[in-house]
Amino acid sequence: MTVLFRVVFVNNDFLLRNLNYKNHDNQADLADLSMLQFLDDLRCLSYDFHRTFESITIHRDANMLVLASKSPRRHQLLTLAGVPFRSLPSHVGEHLIKGEKPEAFTRRAARNKADAVAKRVQPGTWILSADTTVVVDHEILGKPADQSDATRMLKLLSGREHRVLTAVVLLKAGSKSADEHLSETLVTFRTLDETMISGYLKTGESRDKAGAYGIQGKGALLVSSIEGSYTNVVGLPLVETSEMIRQVGLWSPFSEVQENKEINRENYSD
């Protein structure tokens, strides 16, 4: 594993250039994760002190799938499926173009994330990105700006059906190889009164989620029914995503599952 990066701080004499870090021992994976975390932390510090990065280039084993997201939900879903991956957030903003349809916006946002990360990894690396959008009355509900905005969204969703779109992109860095898929799930909310809305907002779940709710948490109490993929609503349609990964030969469902020898016929009985 090799990490090569150059950092230039504006209005500061400190320069860190062409630093090569190599690790070939048994701790390679742990060292790589800590280095990636270091780069992310350093990026945050640069904002705090009004500094900027001139360039960062990361080289790593191209056989490892890279998830272009910092979403804990997508991390959990891939881990649940058993997909080996590492994470490299894209840090790409999501901006709606006037007149853009929800499907086009969701696809574009996911592709932009993959393209941004592709510039920071070794050619040949497979990158997985996704973007989830909540749509009601043709209005795209992103992450709420504040509690007032979250309240507005929940009132808008109350007692009715809405769509949840997730675009998934699997892209090979340095080539034109790419696959895209758009999943749609219909979600119906129960009727929400002021007490339920204010109570749910107090949980804090609304803050970083499209549509101001998380179905995998206490937000499940707001949902009366769904039609389609549940994991799509969480943020990553697992069936469709796993098939995309399988088709490029990176991984197959249950391929690395070890037999649990404690399971026997008695375990299936009540």
Foldseek 3Di string as FASTA:
>chain_A
DWWFFWFDWPPDPDTDHGDIDDDDDPCVVVVVQVVLVVVVVVCVVSVVVVTHGPDTAGEDPQLAEEEQDPDPLVVVLCVVQVHGHYYDHLPDDQDDDPPDFPVRSQQVVFVSSQVSVLRRYDAFHKYKGKGKWKADPRDTFAQAPDLVSLLVLLQRQFQAKIKMKMKMKIDGRPDPDIDIDIFIKIWHFYHDDPVRSVVVVVVVQQHHGGSRAACVPPSVNGTDDMGGAPSSSNHDRVVVVQVVCVVVPSDHGPPPDDDDPVDDPVVPDD
